[in-house]
Amino acid sequence: TYLNSELGRKPSRILQQFERMALSRADQFIAVSDYVGRRTSELIGLRKNYVVIHNAVDTTRFCPDPNTKTEESLIVFVGSIDIKKGVIELIRAMTDVWKKYPTARLVLVGKEGKASKTGQKMSDYLMSLIEPAYKERIAFTGHISHILTLDYLRKAHVCCYPSHAE
């Protein structure tokens, strides 16, 4: 219900009912942010307090490395290559980024899904939104190891997470 609402889609009534029943029976209601907890409560009509537990990050591992040089104009996205993660908006925004920073590169790291409207691979759909002159400035790595992902994050000049759902 929450995700559909955030994506501007009408939530399924039966799904809302199931979520309301499940959450009303639960001993605890935990959300990853105050916004998610409050919005979920509003959408399904839940009158129950929730507790916020933010997603954890191991800052001893996910931190800058003095031996890794940042690559100027490298923008990195890490996550599922999926509509709910805001990748369509990110790709569309890159046109404006390239106008101001013509050497910018975008690397999208993560498992990809299908474009819901066309059924094609999401990377193919996203590339269809880009002007031909900029296509070589975008790379999709697919699912890679945590070590390689960490390397991209440490090299990034900017990390971008335009998700609709977190």
N, C-alpha and C. Protein backbone atom coordinates (compact mmCIF):
# COMPACT_ATOMS: atom_id res chain seq x y z
N THR A 1 0.83 -1.19 0.00
CA THR A 1 0.00 0.00 0.00
C THR A 1 0.87 1.25 0.00
N TYR A 2 1.86 1.27 0.89
CA TYR A 2 2.76 2.42 0.96
C TYR A 2 3.49 2.63 -0.36
N LEU A 3 4.10 1.57 -0.88
CA LEU A 3 4.88 1.69 -2.10
C LEU A 3 4.00 2.15 -3.27
N ASN A 4 2.84 1.56 -3.43
CA ASN A 4 1.94 1.99 -4.51
C ASN A 4 1.60 3.47 -4.37
N SER A 5 1.35 3.90 -3.17
CA SER A 5 1.03 5.31 -2.95
C SER A 5 2.20 6.21 -3.33
N GLU A 6 3.40 5.82 -2.93
CA GLU A 6 4.58 6.62 -3.24
C GLU A 6 4.85 6.68 -4.74
N LEU A 7 4.48 5.63 -5.46
CA LEU A 7 4.67 5.60 -6.91
C LEU A 7 3.50 6.20 -7.67
N GLY A 8 2.51 6.72 -6.93
CA GLY A 8 1.37 7.36 -7.59
C GLY A 8 0.37 6.37 -8.17
N ARG A 9 0.41 5.13 -7.68
CA ARG A 9 -0.53 4.11 -8.17
C ARG A 9 -1.60 3.88 -7.11
N LYS A 10 -2.79 3.55 -7.56
CA LYS A 10 -3.88 3.29 -6.62
C LYS A 10 -3.63 1.94 -5.94
N PRO A 11 -3.54 1.96 -4.60
CA PRO A 11 -3.31 0.70 -3.88
C PRO A 11 -4.50 -0.25 -4.02
N SER A 12 -4.22 -1.52 -4.05
CA SER A 12 -5.26 -2.54 -4.11
C SER A 12 -6.05 -2.53 -2.79
N ARG A 13 -7.37 -2.53 -2.86
CA ARG A 13 -8.18 -2.52 -1.63
C ARG A 13 -7.99 -3.80 -0.83
N ILE A 14 -7.89 -4.92 -1.52
CA ILE A 14 -7.72 -6.19 -0.82
C ILE A 14 -6.35 -6.23 -0.13
N LEU A 15 -5.34 -5.70 -0.80
CA LEU A 15 -4.00 -5.63 -0.19
C LEU A 15 -4.03 -4.72 1.02
N GLN A 16 -4.70 -3.58 0.92
CA GLN A 16 -4.82 -2.68 2.06
C GLN A 16 -5.49 -3.39 3.23
N GLN A 17 -6.53 -4.16 2.95
CA GLN A 17 -7.26 -4.88 4.00
C GLN A 17 -6.35 -5.91 4.67
N PHE A 18 -5.60 -6.67 3.85
CA PHE A 18 -4.68 -7.67 4.41
C PHE A 18 -3.60 -7.01 5.26
N GLU A 19 -3.06 -5.89 4.76
CA GLU A 19 -2.02 -5.20 5.52
C GLU A 19 -2.59 -4.64 6.83
N ARG A 20 -3.78 -4.09 6.79
CA ARG A 20 -4.42 -3.56 8.00
C ARG A 20 -4.62 -4.68 9.01
N MET A 21 -5.12 -5.83 8.56
CA MET A 21 -5.34 -6.97 9.47
C MET A 21 -4.02 -7.45 10.06
N ALA A 22 -3.01 -7.60 9.23
CA ALA A 22 -1.72 -8.11 9.71
C ALA A 22 -1.09 -7.14 10.72
N LEU A 23 -1.10 -5.86 10.40
CA LEU A 23 -0.48 -4.89 11.30
C LEU A 23 -1.28 -4.69 12.58
N SER A 24 -2.58 -4.81 12.50
CA SER A 24 -3.38 -4.65 13.72
C SER A 24 -3.19 -5.82 14.68
N ARG A 25 -2.84 -6.99 14.14
CA ARG A 25 -2.59 -8.16 14.98
C ARG A 25 -1.15 -8.23 15.48
N ALA A 26 -0.27 -7.46 14.89
CA ALA A 26 1.15 -7.53 15.24
C ALA A 26 1.40 -6.97 16.63
N ASP A 27 2.36 -7.55 17.34
CA ASP A 27 2.76 -7.04 18.65
C ASP A 27 3.51 -5.72 18.53
N GLN A 28 4.28 -5.57 17.47
CA GLN A 28 5.07 -4.36 17.24
C GLN A 28 4.94 -3.93 15.79
N PHE A 29 5.04 -2.65 15.56
CA PHE A 29 5.04 -2.07 14.22
C PHE A 29 6.34 -1.28 14.12
N ILE A 30 7.24 -1.74 13.25
CA ILE A 30 8.55 -1.13 13.11
C ILE A 30 8.66 -0.56 11.70
N ALA A 31 9.18 0.66 11.61
CA ALA A 31 9.38 1.31 10.31
C ALA A 31 10.82 1.76 10.18
N VAL A 32 11.30 1.90 8.93
CA VAL A 32 12.68 2.33 8.71
C VAL A 32 12.85 3.84 8.84
N SER A 33 11.74 4.58 8.88
CA SER A 33 11.81 6.03 9.09
C SER A 33 10.48 6.50 9.66
N ASP A 34 10.48 7.68 10.24
CA ASP A 34 9.24 8.25 10.76
C ASP A 34 8.25 8.46 9.63
N TYR A 35 8.74 8.90 8.48
CA TYR A 35 7.85 9.13 7.34
C TYR A 35 7.15 7.84 6.92
N VAL A 36 7.90 6.75 6.79
CA VAL A 36 7.31 5.47 6.38
C VAL A 36 6.28 5.01 7.41
N GLY A 37 6.60 5.11 8.69
CA GLY A 37 5.66 4.70 9.73
C GLY A 37 4.39 5.53 9.73
N ARG A 38 4.55 6.85 9.66
CA ARG A 38 3.40 7.76 9.67
C ARG A 38 2.54 7.56 8.42
N ARG A 39 3.20 7.49 7.26
CA ARG A 39 2.46 7.37 6.00
C ARG A 39 1.74 6.02 5.91
N THR A 40 2.38 4.95 6.33
CA THR A 40 1.73 3.64 6.34
C THR A 40 0.52 3.65 7.25
N SER A 41 0.67 4.23 8.44
CA SER A 41 -0.45 4.33 9.38
C SER A 41 -1.62 5.09 8.76
N GLU A 42 -1.33 6.20 8.10
CA GLU A 42 -2.38 7.00 7.45
C GLU A 42 -3.08 6.21 6.34
N LEU A 43 -2.30 5.56 5.50
CA LEU A 43 -2.85 4.88 4.33
C LEU A 43 -3.73 3.70 4.67
N ILE A 44 -3.39 2.96 5.71
CA ILE A 44 -4.19 1.78 6.04
C ILE A 44 -5.09 2.00 7.24
N GLY A 45 -5.08 3.21 7.78
CA GLY A 45 -5.97 3.53 8.89
C GLY A 45 -5.58 2.84 10.18
N LEU A 46 -4.30 2.71 10.43
CA LEU A 46 -3.81 2.03 11.62
C LEU A 46 -3.66 3.03 12.76
N ARG A 47 -4.23 2.73 13.88
CA ARG A 47 -4.12 3.59 15.06
C ARG A 47 -3.24 2.90 16.10
N LYS A 48 -2.00 2.69 15.72
CA LYS A 48 -1.06 1.98 16.58
C LYS A 48 0.28 2.71 16.50
N ASN A 49 0.95 2.82 17.62
CA ASN A 49 2.27 3.44 17.61
C ASN A 49 3.27 2.55 16.89
N TYR A 50 4.25 3.17 16.33
CA TYR A 50 5.32 2.42 15.66
C TYR A 50 6.66 2.87 16.24
N VAL A 51 7.65 2.03 16.03
CA VAL A 51 9.01 2.31 16.46
C VAL A 51 9.87 2.43 15.21
N VAL A 52 10.74 3.43 15.17
CA VAL A 52 11.64 3.59 14.03
C VAL A 52 12.96 2.90 14.34
N ILE A 53 13.35 2.00 13.46
CA ILE A 53 14.67 1.39 13.50
C ILE A 53 15.27 1.60 12.12
N HIS A 54 16.23 2.50 12.05
CA HIS A 54 16.85 2.83 10.76
C HIS A 54 17.67 1.66 10.25
N ASN A 55 17.78 1.57 8.92
CA ASN A 55 18.64 0.55 8.33
C ASN A 55 20.07 0.77 8.81
N ALA A 56 20.75 -0.30 9.12
CA ALA A 56 22.10 -0.21 9.67
C ALA A 56 23.15 -0.18 8.57
N VAL A 57 24.27 0.47 8.85
CA VAL A 57 25.42 0.51 7.95
C VAL A 57 26.66 0.26 8.79
N ASP A 58 27.50 -0.63 8.33
CA ASP A 58 28.76 -0.91 9.00
C ASP A 58 29.75 0.18 8.58
N THR A 59 29.89 1.21 9.40
CA THR A 59 30.73 2.36 9.05
C THR A 59 32.22 2.06 9.16
N THR A 60 32.59 0.91 9.74
CA THR A 60 34.00 0.54 9.72
C THR A 60 34.38 -0.02 8.35
N ARG A 61 33.40 -0.53 7.64
CA ARG A 61 33.64 -1.09 6.31
C ARG A 61 33.27 -0.10 5.21
N PHE A 62 32.12 0.54 5.35
CA PHE A 62 31.64 1.49 4.35
C PHE A 62 32.08 2.89 4.75
N CYS A 63 33.32 3.18 4.45
CA CYS A 63 33.93 4.45 4.80
C CYS A 63 34.99 4.77 3.75
N PRO A 64 35.41 6.03 3.69
CA PRO A 64 36.47 6.37 2.73
C PRO A 64 37.74 5.57 2.99
N ASP A 65 38.44 5.31 1.92
CA ASP A 65 39.73 4.61 2.00
C ASP A 65 40.80 5.57 1.51
N PRO A 66 41.77 5.92 2.35
CA PRO A 66 42.79 6.89 1.93
C PRO A 66 43.62 6.41 0.73
N ASN A 67 43.58 5.11 0.44
CA ASN A 67 44.34 4.57 -0.69
C ASN A 67 43.54 4.56 -2.00
N THR A 68 42.26 4.95 -1.94
CA THR A 68 41.41 4.96 -3.13
C THR A 68 41.14 6.40 -3.54
N LYS A 69 41.46 6.71 -4.77
CA LYS A 69 41.27 8.07 -5.27
C LYS A 69 39.85 8.24 -5.82
N THR A 70 39.20 9.33 -5.44
CA THR A 70 37.88 9.66 -5.96
C THR A 70 38.02 10.03 -7.44
N GLU A 71 37.09 9.50 -8.26
CA GLU A 71 37.10 9.82 -9.69
C GLU A 71 36.20 11.03 -9.93
N GLU A 72 36.80 12.08 -10.43
CA GLU A 72 36.06 13.31 -10.72
C GLU A 72 34.86 13.00 -11.62
N SER A 73 33.69 13.48 -11.25
CA SER A 73 32.46 13.39 -12.04
C SER A 73 31.87 11.98 -12.13
N LEU A 74 32.30 11.07 -11.25
CA LEU A 74 31.71 9.73 -11.23
C LEU A 74 30.52 9.72 -10.28
N ILE A 75 29.36 9.41 -10.82
CA ILE A 75 28.13 9.30 -10.04
C ILE A 75 27.79 7.82 -9.95
N VAL A 76 27.54 7.34 -8.74
CA VAL A 76 27.25 5.92 -8.54
C VAL A 76 25.90 5.74 -7.87
N PHE A 77 25.13 4.82 -8.42
CA PHE A 77 23.86 4.38 -7.84
C PHE A 77 24.04 2.91 -7.50
N VAL A 78 23.65 2.51 -6.30
CA VAL A 78 23.70 1.10 -5.90
C VAL A 78 22.32 0.71 -5.40
N GLY A 79 21.76 -0.33 -5.98
CA GLY A 79 20.44 -0.82 -5.58
C GLY A 79 19.82 -1.59 -6.72
N SER A 80 18.63 -2.08 -6.50
CA SER A 80 17.92 -2.76 -7.58
C SER A 80 17.62 -1.77 -8.69
N ILE A 81 17.87 -2.17 -9.92
CA ILE A 81 17.57 -1.31 -11.06
C ILE A 81 16.08 -1.52 -11.34
N ASP A 82 15.29 -0.75 -10.61
CA ASP A 82 13.85 -0.97 -10.55
C ASP A 82 13.14 0.38 -10.42
N ILE A 83 11.92 0.46 -10.89
CA ILE A 83 11.16 1.72 -10.87
C ILE A 83 11.03 2.30 -9.46
N LYS A 84 10.85 1.44 -8.45
CA LYS A 84 10.66 1.95 -7.08
C LYS A 84 11.92 2.61 -6.52
N LYS A 85 13.06 2.33 -7.12
CA LYS A 85 14.32 2.92 -6.65
C LYS A 85 14.59 4.28 -7.28
N GLY A 86 13.71 4.75 -8.16
CA GLY A 86 13.85 6.09 -8.74
C GLY A 86 14.84 6.17 -9.89
N VAL A 87 15.15 5.03 -10.53
CA VAL A 87 16.15 5.05 -11.59
C VAL A 87 15.67 5.80 -12.83
N ILE A 88 14.38 5.80 -13.09
CA ILE A 88 13.87 6.55 -14.26
C ILE A 88 14.11 8.04 -14.04
N GLU A 89 13.81 8.52 -12.86
CA GLU A 89 14.04 9.93 -12.54
C GLU A 89 15.53 10.26 -12.59
N LEU A 90 16.35 9.35 -12.11
CA LEU A 90 17.80 9.56 -12.14
C LEU A 90 18.29 9.70 -13.58
N ILE A 91 17.87 8.80 -14.43
CA ILE A 91 18.29 8.85 -15.84
C ILE A 91 17.81 10.15 -16.49
N ARG A 92 16.59 10.54 -16.23
CA ARG A 92 16.08 11.80 -16.80
C ARG A 92 16.85 13.01 -16.27
N ALA A 93 17.23 12.97 -15.01
CA ALA A 93 17.99 14.08 -14.42
C ALA A 93 19.38 14.19 -15.00
N MET A 94 19.93 13.08 -15.49
CA MET A 94 21.29 13.11 -16.04
C MET A 94 21.40 14.06 -17.22
N THR A 95 20.36 14.27 -17.98
CA THR A 95 20.41 15.22 -19.09
C THR A 95 20.78 16.61 -18.58
N ASP A 96 20.18 17.01 -17.46
CA ASP A 96 20.53 18.30 -16.86
C ASP A 96 21.94 18.29 -16.28
N VAL A 97 22.32 17.17 -15.70
CA VAL A 97 23.68 17.06 -15.14
C VAL A 97 24.71 17.23 -16.25
N TRP A 98 24.49 16.56 -17.40
CA TRP A 98 25.46 16.63 -18.48
C TRP A 98 25.56 18.03 -19.09
N LYS A 99 24.49 18.79 -19.03
CA LYS A 99 24.56 20.16 -19.53
C LYS A 99 25.55 20.98 -18.71
N LYS A 100 25.57 20.75 -17.41
CA LYS A 100 26.46 21.50 -16.53
C LYS A 100 27.82 20.82 -16.34
N TYR A 101 27.84 19.48 -16.37
CA TYR A 101 29.06 18.70 -16.16
C TYR A 101 29.18 17.68 -17.30
N PRO A 102 29.66 18.09 -18.44
CA PRO A 102 29.66 17.21 -19.62
C PRO A 102 30.52 15.95 -19.47
N THR A 103 31.43 15.91 -18.52
CA THR A 103 32.27 14.71 -18.36
C THR A 103 31.69 13.73 -17.32
N ALA A 104 30.55 14.05 -16.75
CA ALA A 104 29.96 13.17 -15.73
C ALA A 104 29.67 11.79 -16.30
N ARG A 105 29.91 10.78 -15.46
CA ARG A 105 29.60 9.38 -15.81
C ARG A 105 28.69 8.83 -14.73
N LEU A 106 27.78 7.96 -15.13
CA LEU A 106 26.87 7.32 -14.20
C LEU A 106 27.07 5.81 -14.27
N VAL A 107 27.31 5.20 -13.10
CA VAL A 107 27.41 3.75 -13.01
C VAL A 107 26.28 3.28 -12.10
N LEU A 108 25.47 2.36 -12.62
CA LEU A 108 24.37 1.78 -11.84
C LEU A 108 24.76 0.36 -11.47
N VAL A 109 24.88 0.11 -10.18
CA VAL A 109 25.30 -1.18 -9.66
C VAL A 109 24.10 -1.88 -9.06
N GLY A 110 23.79 -3.07 -9.55
CA GLY A 110 22.71 -3.84 -8.95
C GLY A 110 21.97 -4.70 -9.94
N LYS A 111 21.21 -5.60 -9.36
CA LYS A 111 20.39 -6.53 -10.14
C LYS A 111 19.29 -5.74 -10.82
N GLU A 112 19.02 -6.08 -12.06
CA GLU A 112 17.98 -5.33 -12.77
C GLU A 112 16.72 -6.14 -12.98
N GLY A 113 15.62 -5.41 -13.00
CA GLY A 113 14.33 -6.02 -13.28
C GLY A 113 13.90 -5.67 -14.69
N LYS A 114 12.63 -5.85 -14.93
CA LYS A 114 12.06 -5.52 -16.23
C LYS A 114 11.30 -4.20 -16.12
N ALA A 115 11.26 -3.48 -17.22
CA ALA A 115 10.47 -2.26 -17.27
C ALA A 115 9.01 -2.67 -17.34
N SER A 116 8.22 -2.24 -16.38
CA SER A 116 6.84 -2.73 -16.27
C SER A 116 5.99 -2.36 -17.48
N LYS A 117 6.24 -1.24 -18.10
CA LYS A 117 5.40 -0.82 -19.23
C LYS A 117 5.73 -1.57 -20.51
N THR A 118 6.99 -1.90 -20.71
CA THR A 118 7.40 -2.50 -21.98
C THR A 118 7.79 -3.97 -21.87
N GLY A 119 8.13 -4.45 -20.69
CA GLY A 119 8.56 -5.82 -20.51
C GLY A 119 10.01 -6.07 -20.89
N GLN A 120 10.70 -5.04 -21.42
CA GLN A 120 12.10 -5.20 -21.78
C GLN A 120 12.98 -5.06 -20.54
N LYS A 121 14.26 -5.39 -20.68
CA LYS A 121 15.17 -5.20 -19.56
C LYS A 121 15.15 -3.73 -19.15
N MET A 122 15.23 -3.47 -17.86
CA MET A 122 15.18 -2.10 -17.38
C MET A 122 16.33 -1.28 -17.94
N SER A 123 17.52 -1.86 -18.06
CA SER A 123 18.66 -1.11 -18.61
C SER A 123 18.38 -0.69 -20.05
N ASP A 124 17.77 -1.56 -20.85
CA ASP A 124 17.43 -1.20 -22.23
C ASP A 124 16.41 -0.06 -22.25
N TYR A 125 15.42 -0.16 -21.38
CA TYR A 125 14.41 0.90 -21.32
C TYR A 125 15.05 2.23 -20.91
N LEU A 126 15.90 2.21 -19.89
CA LEU A 126 16.55 3.43 -19.43
C LEU A 126 17.45 4.02 -20.51
N MET A 127 18.16 3.17 -21.23
CA MET A 127 19.02 3.68 -22.30
C MET A 127 18.20 4.30 -23.42
N SER A 128 16.97 3.85 -23.61
CA SER A 128 16.12 4.44 -24.65
C SER A 128 15.71 5.88 -24.30
N LEU A 129 15.86 6.26 -23.03
CA LEU A 129 15.51 7.60 -22.59
C LEU A 129 16.66 8.60 -22.78
N ILE A 130 17.85 8.10 -23.12
CA ILE A 130 19.06 8.92 -23.18
C ILE A 130 19.37 9.31 -24.62
N GLU A 131 19.80 10.54 -24.80
CA GLU A 131 20.26 11.00 -26.11
C GLU A 131 21.49 10.19 -26.51
N PRO A 132 21.61 9.84 -27.79
CA PRO A 132 22.73 9.01 -28.24
C PRO A 132 24.11 9.52 -27.83
N ALA A 133 24.30 10.82 -27.81
CA ALA A 133 25.62 11.38 -27.48
C ALA A 133 26.06 11.05 -26.05
N TYR A 134 25.11 10.72 -25.17
CA TYR A 134 25.44 10.47 -23.76
C TYR A 134 25.45 8.99 -23.38
N LYS A 135 25.07 8.13 -24.29
CA LYS A 135 24.92 6.71 -23.94
C LYS A 135 26.21 6.08 -23.42
N GLU A 136 27.36 6.52 -23.93
CA GLU A 136 28.63 5.93 -23.46
C GLU A 136 28.99 6.41 -22.06
N ARG A 137 28.24 7.33 -21.52
CA ARG A 137 28.51 7.88 -20.19
C ARG A 137 27.73 7.13 -19.09
N ILE A 138 27.01 6.08 -19.48
CA ILE A 138 26.24 5.28 -18.52
C ILE A 138 26.69 3.83 -18.61
N ALA A 139 26.86 3.20 -17.43
CA ALA A 139 27.24 1.78 -17.38
C ALA A 139 26.37 1.07 -16.35
N PHE A 140 25.99 -0.15 -16.68
CA PHE A 140 25.26 -1.03 -15.77
C PHE A 140 26.17 -2.20 -15.45
N THR A 141 26.43 -2.43 -14.16
CA THR A 141 27.34 -3.52 -13.78
C THR A 141 26.61 -4.84 -13.55
N GLY A 142 25.30 -4.78 -13.33
CA GLY A 142 24.60 -5.96 -12.87
C GLY A 142 24.94 -6.21 -11.41
N HIS A 143 24.55 -7.38 -10.91
CA HIS A 143 24.86 -7.73 -9.52
C HIS A 143 26.34 -8.07 -9.44
N ILE A 144 27.05 -7.40 -8.52
CA ILE A 144 28.48 -7.66 -8.33
C ILE A 144 28.74 -7.89 -6.84
N SER A 145 29.94 -8.34 -6.52
CA SER A 145 30.29 -8.64 -5.13
C SER A 145 30.29 -7.37 -4.28
N HIS A 146 30.18 -7.55 -2.97
CA HIS A 146 30.23 -6.42 -2.04
C HIS A 146 31.57 -5.69 -2.13
N ILE A 147 32.64 -6.43 -2.37
CA ILE A 147 33.97 -5.82 -2.47
C ILE A 147 34.02 -4.87 -3.67
N LEU A 148 33.53 -5.32 -4.83
CA LEU A 148 33.53 -4.47 -6.02
C LEU A 148 32.56 -3.29 -5.85
N THR A 149 31.43 -3.54 -5.20
CA THR A 149 30.48 -2.46 -4.94
C THR A 149 31.13 -1.40 -4.06
N LEU A 150 31.80 -1.83 -3.03
CA LEU A 150 32.49 -0.91 -2.12
C LEU A 150 33.54 -0.09 -2.88
N ASP A 151 34.22 -0.73 -3.82
CA ASP A 151 35.22 -0.02 -4.63
C ASP A 151 34.56 1.11 -5.43
N TYR A 152 33.42 0.84 -6.04
CA TYR A 152 32.69 1.90 -6.77
C TYR A 152 32.29 3.02 -5.83
N LEU A 153 31.77 2.66 -4.66
CA LEU A 153 31.35 3.69 -3.71
C LEU A 153 32.51 4.57 -3.28
N ARG A 154 33.65 3.97 -3.07
CA ARG A 154 34.81 4.75 -2.63
C ARG A 154 35.37 5.64 -3.74
N LYS A 155 35.21 5.23 -4.99
CA LYS A 155 35.69 6.03 -6.11
C LYS A 155 34.71 7.15 -6.49
N ALA A 156 33.47 7.01 -6.06
CA ALA A 156 32.42 7.94 -6.50
C ALA A 156 32.67 9.36 -6.02
N HIS A 157 32.41 10.29 -6.90
CA HIS A 157 32.41 11.71 -6.54
C HIS A 157 31.06 12.03 -5.88
N VAL A 158 30.00 11.37 -6.40
CA VAL A 158 28.64 11.52 -5.85
C VAL A 158 27.99 10.14 -5.82
N CYS A 159 27.32 9.82 -4.71
CA CYS A 159 26.47 8.63 -4.63
C CYS A 159 25.03 9.13 -4.61
N CYS A 160 24.20 8.56 -5.47
CA CYS A 160 22.84 9.06 -5.63
C CYS A 160 21.83 7.94 -5.38
N TYR A 161 20.86 8.20 -4.50
CA TYR A 161 19.84 7.21 -4.15
C TYR A 161 18.46 7.87 -4.21
N PRO A 162 17.85 7.95 -5.38
CA PRO A 162 16.57 8.65 -5.53
C PRO A 162 15.34 7.79 -5.25
N SER A 163 15.46 6.83 -4.37
CA SER A 163 14.40 5.86 -4.11
C SER A 163 13.08 6.49 -3.68
N HIS A 164 12.00 5.88 -4.14
CA HIS A 164 10.65 6.30 -3.74
C HIS A 164 10.23 5.63 -2.43
N ALA A 165 10.92 4.59 -2.04
CA ALA A 165 10.39 3.75 -0.96
C ALA A 165 11.23 3.67 0.30
N GLU A 166 12.34 4.35 0.38
CA GLU A 166 13.14 4.30 1.60
C GLU A 166 13.18 5.65 2.27
